[in-house]
Every structure is written in C-alpha cells, then in structure tokens.
Amino acid sequence: MEWVLRFVIGGLAVSLFAVLGDLLRPKSFAGLFGAAPSVAVATLALTFSAEGASTAAIEARAMMLGAVALGTYSIVVCQLLARSRVSVTIVSTGALLVWLGIALALHAVISS
C-alpha cells in the first residue's frame, strides 16, 4: 500500500512541479522542478505519517546534505567542461569522486 501512496503523491507532486516549471522563465528552470522535489516531498510526507516528525527531520537533513554534494558536483562538472577539452564522460565520472567525498564528509560531520 505504501508504494501506491508513494506513486500517487509523487505523481501529483511531479505534475504540480511541472506546471510551476512551465510557468517560469527561462525554460531551463523547468527541469529543476521535475522529479527530485516531488520525490522528496512524497518521501517526507510518507515518512512523517508512518514514523513521525523526528525520522522525517533526519531524512530532510540527509536530503539537504545530498543537495549540497550534488550542487558541488554540478559546479565542478560545469567548470571543468567549460575550461577543458576533456570528454563529458571522463569529467562526470571523475566528479563523482567529488560528490562522494563531499557526501561522506558531510555525513561524518552530522554523525559525530
């Protein structure tokens, strides 16, 4: 039953974020309002209803730290691609190490 709820909440959230992205200019923002925010909202809503506010807060904190790591990865990829002639595959794969390092470091800081 939880999967059905996740599907419905996620689908509704994706639709709402898609409409929001469609209304914004420039259109490049439309992708920002796609899957990730809707999945996060659905996950937090289900976690809150099933396990309470404290567990949902832990998940929300982990999502925020993951967003910081992803943002850093994105900046590194954009900068390397703009400044070098290295292939996209090599840059994006190599930058995964940056993402992993940031994610693990933030996890270690929060866990201690």
N, C-alpha and C. Protein backbone atom coordinates (compact mmCIF):
# COMPACT_ATOMS: atom_id res chain seq x y z
N MET A 1 0.82 -1.20 0.00
CA MET A 1 0.00 0.00 0.00
C MET A 1 0.86 1.26 0.00
N GLU A 2 2.03 1.19 0.67
CA GLU A 2 2.91 2.35 0.72
C GLU A 2 3.40 2.73 -0.67
N TRP A 3 3.66 1.72 -1.52
CA TRP A 3 4.12 2.01 -2.88
C TRP A 3 3.04 2.74 -3.68
N VAL A 4 1.79 2.37 -3.49
CA VAL A 4 0.70 3.04 -4.20
C VAL A 4 0.61 4.49 -3.74
N LEU A 5 0.70 4.70 -2.44
CA LEU A 5 0.68 6.06 -1.91
C LEU A 5 1.85 6.88 -2.45
N ARG A 6 3.03 6.29 -2.46
CA ARG A 6 4.21 6.96 -3.00
C ARG A 6 3.99 7.34 -4.46
N PHE A 7 3.43 6.42 -5.21
CA PHE A 7 3.17 6.65 -6.63
C PHE A 7 2.19 7.80 -6.82
N VAL A 8 1.11 7.80 -6.08
CA VAL A 8 0.10 8.85 -6.22
C VAL A 8 0.64 10.21 -5.77
N ILE A 9 1.24 10.25 -4.59
CA ILE A 9 1.78 11.52 -4.09
C ILE A 9 2.89 12.03 -5.00
N GLY A 10 3.78 11.14 -5.39
CA GLY A 10 4.87 11.52 -6.29
C GLY A 10 4.35 12.02 -7.63
N GLY A 11 3.36 11.32 -8.18
CA GLY A 11 2.78 11.73 -9.46
C GLY A 11 2.12 13.09 -9.38
N LEU A 12 1.37 13.32 -8.32
CA LEU A 12 0.75 14.63 -8.14
C LEU A 12 1.80 15.72 -7.97
N ALA A 13 2.82 15.43 -7.19
CA ALA A 13 3.86 16.43 -6.97
C ALA A 13 4.63 16.71 -8.25
N VAL A 14 4.94 15.67 -9.03
CA VAL A 14 5.64 15.88 -10.30
C VAL A 14 4.79 16.76 -11.21
N SER A 15 3.50 16.50 -11.26
CA SER A 15 2.61 17.30 -12.10
C SER A 15 2.58 18.75 -11.66
N LEU A 16 2.48 18.97 -10.36
CA LEU A 16 2.46 20.35 -9.86
C LEU A 16 3.78 21.07 -10.13
N PHE A 17 4.89 20.39 -9.91
CA PHE A 17 6.19 21.00 -10.18
C PHE A 17 6.39 21.23 -11.67
N ALA A 18 5.85 20.35 -12.52
CA ALA A 18 5.97 20.54 -13.96
C ALA A 18 5.21 21.79 -14.40
N VAL A 19 4.02 21.99 -13.83
CA VAL A 19 3.25 23.20 -14.14
C VAL A 19 4.01 24.43 -13.68
N LEU A 20 4.57 24.38 -12.48
CA LEU A 20 5.36 25.50 -11.96
C LEU A 20 6.55 25.78 -12.87
N GLY A 21 7.25 24.74 -13.27
CA GLY A 21 8.39 24.90 -14.17
C GLY A 21 7.99 25.45 -15.52
N ASP A 22 6.81 25.10 -15.98
CA ASP A 22 6.31 25.60 -17.26
C ASP A 22 5.99 27.09 -17.20
N LEU A 23 5.61 27.56 -16.02
CA LEU A 23 5.26 28.97 -15.87
C LEU A 23 6.49 29.87 -15.74
N LEU A 24 7.61 29.31 -15.32
CA LEU A 24 8.81 30.11 -15.08
C LEU A 24 9.59 30.36 -16.37
N ARG A 25 10.29 31.45 -16.37
CA ARG A 25 11.19 31.79 -17.47
C ARG A 25 12.59 31.95 -16.90
N PRO A 26 13.65 31.56 -17.47
CA PRO A 26 13.74 30.84 -18.73
C PRO A 26 13.31 29.39 -18.57
N LYS A 27 13.06 28.75 -19.67
CA LYS A 27 12.58 27.36 -19.65
C LYS A 27 13.60 26.40 -19.06
N SER A 28 14.85 26.83 -18.95
CA SER A 28 15.86 25.95 -18.38
C SER A 28 15.56 25.64 -16.91
N PHE A 29 14.73 26.47 -16.26
CA PHE A 29 14.35 26.19 -14.88
C PHE A 29 13.35 25.05 -14.78
N ALA A 30 12.70 24.72 -15.88
CA ALA A 30 11.66 23.69 -15.84
C ALA A 30 12.19 22.36 -15.31
N GLY A 31 13.42 22.00 -15.69
CA GLY A 31 13.99 20.75 -15.23
C GLY A 31 14.26 20.71 -13.74
N LEU A 32 14.48 21.88 -13.15
CA LEU A 32 14.73 21.94 -11.71
C LEU A 32 13.51 21.51 -10.90
N PHE A 33 12.34 21.68 -11.50
CA PHE A 33 11.11 21.37 -10.79
C PHE A 33 10.52 20.04 -11.22
N GLY A 34 11.37 19.14 -11.66
CA GLY A 34 10.92 17.84 -12.12
C GLY A 34 10.81 16.82 -11.01
N ALA A 35 11.58 15.77 -11.13
CA ALA A 35 11.42 14.61 -10.25
C ALA A 35 11.93 14.81 -8.83
N ALA A 36 13.09 15.39 -8.65
CA ALA A 36 13.71 15.42 -7.32
C ALA A 36 12.85 16.07 -6.25
N PRO A 37 12.32 17.26 -6.46
CA PRO A 37 11.50 17.85 -5.39
C PRO A 37 10.24 17.03 -5.09
N SER A 38 9.64 16.48 -6.12
CA SER A 38 8.41 15.73 -5.89
C SER A 38 8.68 14.43 -5.15
N VAL A 39 9.77 13.77 -5.47
CA VAL A 39 10.12 12.54 -4.76
C VAL A 39 10.44 12.87 -3.31
N ALA A 40 11.13 13.97 -3.08
CA ALA A 40 11.46 14.37 -1.71
C ALA A 40 10.20 14.67 -0.91
N VAL A 41 9.27 15.39 -1.50
CA VAL A 41 8.02 15.72 -0.82
C VAL A 41 7.24 14.46 -0.50
N ALA A 42 7.14 13.56 -1.46
CA ALA A 42 6.41 12.30 -1.23
C ALA A 42 7.07 11.48 -0.14
N THR A 43 8.39 11.38 -0.18
CA THR A 43 9.13 10.61 0.82
C THR A 43 8.94 11.20 2.21
N LEU A 44 9.07 12.52 2.32
CA LEU A 44 8.92 13.16 3.63
C LEU A 44 7.49 13.04 4.16
N ALA A 45 6.51 13.16 3.29
CA ALA A 45 5.11 13.03 3.72
C ALA A 45 4.83 11.63 4.24
N LEU A 46 5.30 10.63 3.50
CA LEU A 46 5.07 9.25 3.94
C LEU A 46 5.86 8.92 5.20
N THR A 47 7.08 9.40 5.29
CA THR A 47 7.89 9.16 6.49
C THR A 47 7.25 9.82 7.70
N PHE A 48 6.79 11.05 7.52
CA PHE A 48 6.14 11.75 8.62
C PHE A 48 4.90 11.01 9.09
N SER A 49 4.09 10.53 8.16
CA SER A 49 2.86 9.84 8.56
C SER A 49 3.13 8.47 9.15
N ALA A 50 4.16 7.79 8.68
CA ALA A 50 4.43 6.44 9.15
C ALA A 50 5.33 6.38 10.38
N GLU A 51 6.33 7.29 10.45
CA GLU A 51 7.33 7.15 11.50
C GLU A 51 7.49 8.38 12.38
N GLY A 52 6.78 9.46 12.05
CA GLY A 52 6.83 10.63 12.92
C GLY A 52 7.79 11.71 12.45
N ALA A 53 7.71 12.82 13.17
CA ALA A 53 8.46 14.02 12.79
C ALA A 53 9.97 13.86 12.95
N SER A 54 10.42 13.14 13.96
CA SER A 54 11.86 13.04 14.18
C SER A 54 12.54 12.28 13.04
N THR A 55 11.94 11.21 12.58
CA THR A 55 12.51 10.46 11.46
C THR A 55 12.45 11.28 10.18
N ALA A 56 11.34 11.99 9.97
CA ALA A 56 11.21 12.84 8.78
C ALA A 56 12.26 13.96 8.82
N ALA A 57 12.56 14.48 9.99
CA ALA A 57 13.58 15.52 10.11
C ALA A 57 14.96 14.98 9.76
N ILE A 58 15.25 13.76 10.17
CA ILE A 58 16.53 13.13 9.82
C ILE A 58 16.64 12.95 8.31
N GLU A 59 15.55 12.49 7.69
CA GLU A 59 15.56 12.32 6.23
C GLU A 59 15.69 13.66 5.52
N ALA A 60 15.02 14.69 6.03
CA ALA A 60 15.11 16.01 5.41
C ALA A 60 16.54 16.54 5.50
N ARG A 61 17.18 16.34 6.63
CA ARG A 61 18.57 16.77 6.80
C ARG A 61 19.48 16.04 5.81
N ALA A 62 19.27 14.74 5.65
CA ALA A 62 20.07 13.97 4.71
C ALA A 62 19.84 14.46 3.28
N MET A 63 18.61 14.81 2.95
CA MET A 63 18.31 15.34 1.61
C MET A 63 19.02 16.67 1.38
N MET A 64 19.05 17.52 2.39
CA MET A 64 19.73 18.81 2.24
C MET A 64 21.23 18.62 2.04
N LEU A 65 21.82 17.70 2.80
CA LEU A 65 23.25 17.43 2.64
C LEU A 65 23.54 16.84 1.26
N GLY A 66 22.66 15.97 0.81
CA GLY A 66 22.79 15.41 -0.53
C GLY A 66 22.70 16.48 -1.60
N ALA A 67 21.84 17.48 -1.37
CA ALA A 67 21.72 18.59 -2.32
C ALA A 67 23.00 19.41 -2.37
N VAL A 68 23.64 19.60 -1.23
CA VAL A 68 24.92 20.32 -1.20
C VAL A 68 25.97 19.55 -2.00
N ALA A 69 26.04 18.25 -1.80
CA ALA A 69 27.00 17.42 -2.53
C ALA A 69 26.70 17.44 -4.03
N LEU A 70 25.43 17.35 -4.39
CA LEU A 70 25.05 17.39 -5.81
C LEU A 70 25.35 18.75 -6.43
N GLY A 71 25.08 19.81 -5.69
CA GLY A 71 25.39 21.15 -6.18
C GLY A 71 26.88 21.32 -6.44
N THR A 72 27.70 20.82 -5.52
CA THR A 72 29.15 20.88 -5.69
C THR A 72 29.58 20.08 -6.91
N TYR A 73 29.02 18.89 -7.06
CA TYR A 73 29.31 18.06 -8.24
C TYR A 73 28.96 18.83 -9.51
N SER A 74 27.80 19.46 -9.55
CA SER A 74 27.36 20.19 -10.73
C SER A 74 28.29 21.34 -11.07
N ILE A 75 28.71 22.08 -10.05
CA ILE A 75 29.63 23.20 -10.28
C ILE A 75 30.96 22.69 -10.83
N VAL A 76 31.48 21.61 -10.24
CA VAL A 76 32.75 21.05 -10.70
C VAL A 76 32.64 20.61 -12.16
N VAL A 77 31.56 19.89 -12.50
CA VAL A 77 31.38 19.43 -13.88
C VAL A 77 31.29 20.61 -14.84
N CYS A 78 30.47 21.59 -14.51
CA CYS A 78 30.31 22.76 -15.39
C CYS A 78 31.63 23.49 -15.59
N GLN A 79 32.38 23.70 -14.52
CA GLN A 79 33.65 24.42 -14.62
C GLN A 79 34.67 23.64 -15.45
N LEU A 80 34.77 22.35 -15.19
CA LEU A 80 35.74 21.54 -15.95
C LEU A 80 35.38 21.45 -17.43
N LEU A 81 34.11 21.30 -17.72
CA LEU A 81 33.71 21.22 -19.13
C LEU A 81 33.90 22.55 -19.85
N ALA A 82 33.68 23.65 -19.14
CA ALA A 82 33.85 24.96 -19.76
C ALA A 82 35.31 25.32 -19.97
N ARG A 83 36.19 24.80 -19.14
CA ARG A 83 37.60 25.21 -19.18
C ARG A 83 38.55 24.18 -19.79
N SER A 84 38.05 23.01 -20.13
CA SER A 84 38.95 21.99 -20.68
C SER A 84 38.31 21.30 -21.87
N ARG A 85 39.09 20.50 -22.52
CA ARG A 85 38.60 19.75 -23.67
C ARG A 85 38.45 18.27 -23.33
N VAL A 86 38.31 17.96 -22.08
CA VAL A 86 38.15 16.58 -21.63
C VAL A 86 36.72 16.14 -21.92
N SER A 87 36.54 14.87 -22.21
CA SER A 87 35.21 14.37 -22.57
C SER A 87 34.23 14.46 -21.39
N VAL A 88 32.98 14.57 -21.73
CA VAL A 88 31.92 14.66 -20.73
C VAL A 88 31.92 13.42 -19.84
N THR A 89 32.13 12.27 -20.44
CA THR A 89 32.12 11.02 -19.68
C THR A 89 33.21 11.02 -18.62
N ILE A 90 34.40 11.42 -18.99
CA ILE A 90 35.52 11.42 -18.04
C ILE A 90 35.29 12.46 -16.94
N VAL A 91 34.84 13.65 -17.32
CA VAL A 91 34.61 14.70 -16.33
C VAL A 91 33.50 14.29 -15.36
N SER A 92 32.38 13.84 -15.88
CA SER A 92 31.26 13.50 -14.99
C SER A 92 31.57 12.29 -14.11
N THR A 93 32.28 11.33 -14.67
CA THR A 93 32.66 10.17 -13.86
C THR A 93 33.69 10.56 -12.79
N GLY A 94 34.66 11.36 -13.16
CA GLY A 94 35.65 11.82 -12.19
C GLY A 94 35.04 12.69 -11.10
N ALA A 95 34.08 13.50 -11.47
CA ALA A 95 33.43 14.39 -10.49
C ALA A 95 32.58 13.60 -9.50
N LEU A 96 32.25 12.37 -9.84
CA LEU A 96 31.53 11.54 -8.87
C LEU A 96 32.36 11.35 -7.60
N LEU A 97 33.68 11.33 -7.74
CA LEU A 97 34.55 11.24 -6.57
C LEU A 97 34.41 12.48 -5.69
N VAL A 98 34.23 13.64 -6.33
CA VAL A 98 34.00 14.88 -5.57
C VAL A 98 32.67 14.76 -4.82
N TRP A 99 31.63 14.31 -5.52
CA TRP A 99 30.33 14.14 -4.88
C TRP A 99 30.43 13.18 -3.69
N LEU A 100 31.07 12.05 -3.92
CA LEU A 100 31.20 11.05 -2.86
C LEU A 100 31.97 11.61 -1.67
N GLY A 101 33.06 12.31 -1.94
CA GLY A 101 33.86 12.89 -0.86
C GLY A 101 33.06 13.91 -0.04
N ILE A 102 32.35 14.78 -0.72
CA ILE A 102 31.53 15.78 -0.02
C ILE A 102 30.42 15.09 0.78
N ALA A 103 29.74 14.14 0.16
CA ALA A 103 28.64 13.44 0.84
C ALA A 103 29.14 12.71 2.08
N LEU A 104 30.26 12.01 1.97
CA LEU A 104 30.80 11.27 3.12
C LEU A 104 31.30 12.22 4.21
N ALA A 105 31.92 13.32 3.79
CA ALA A 105 32.40 14.30 4.78
C ALA A 105 31.23 14.93 5.54
N LEU A 106 30.19 15.29 4.83
CA LEU A 106 29.02 15.88 5.49
C LEU A 106 28.34 14.86 6.41
N HIS A 107 28.28 13.61 5.95
CA HIS A 107 27.70 12.56 6.78
C HIS A 107 28.51 12.38 8.06
N ALA A 108 29.83 12.41 7.92
CA ALA A 108 30.71 12.25 9.10
C ALA A 108 30.52 13.41 10.07
N VAL A 109 30.37 14.62 9.56
CA VAL A 109 30.17 15.78 10.43
C VAL A 109 28.85 15.68 11.18
N ILE A 110 27.82 15.29 10.48
CA ILE A 110 26.49 15.18 11.11
C ILE A 110 26.43 14.01 12.09
N SER A 111 27.09 12.92 11.75
CA SER A 111 27.05 11.72 12.60
C SER A 111 27.84 11.86 13.89
N SER A 112 28.83 12.75 13.90
CA SER A 112 29.66 12.85 15.10
C SER A 112 29.08 13.73 16.15
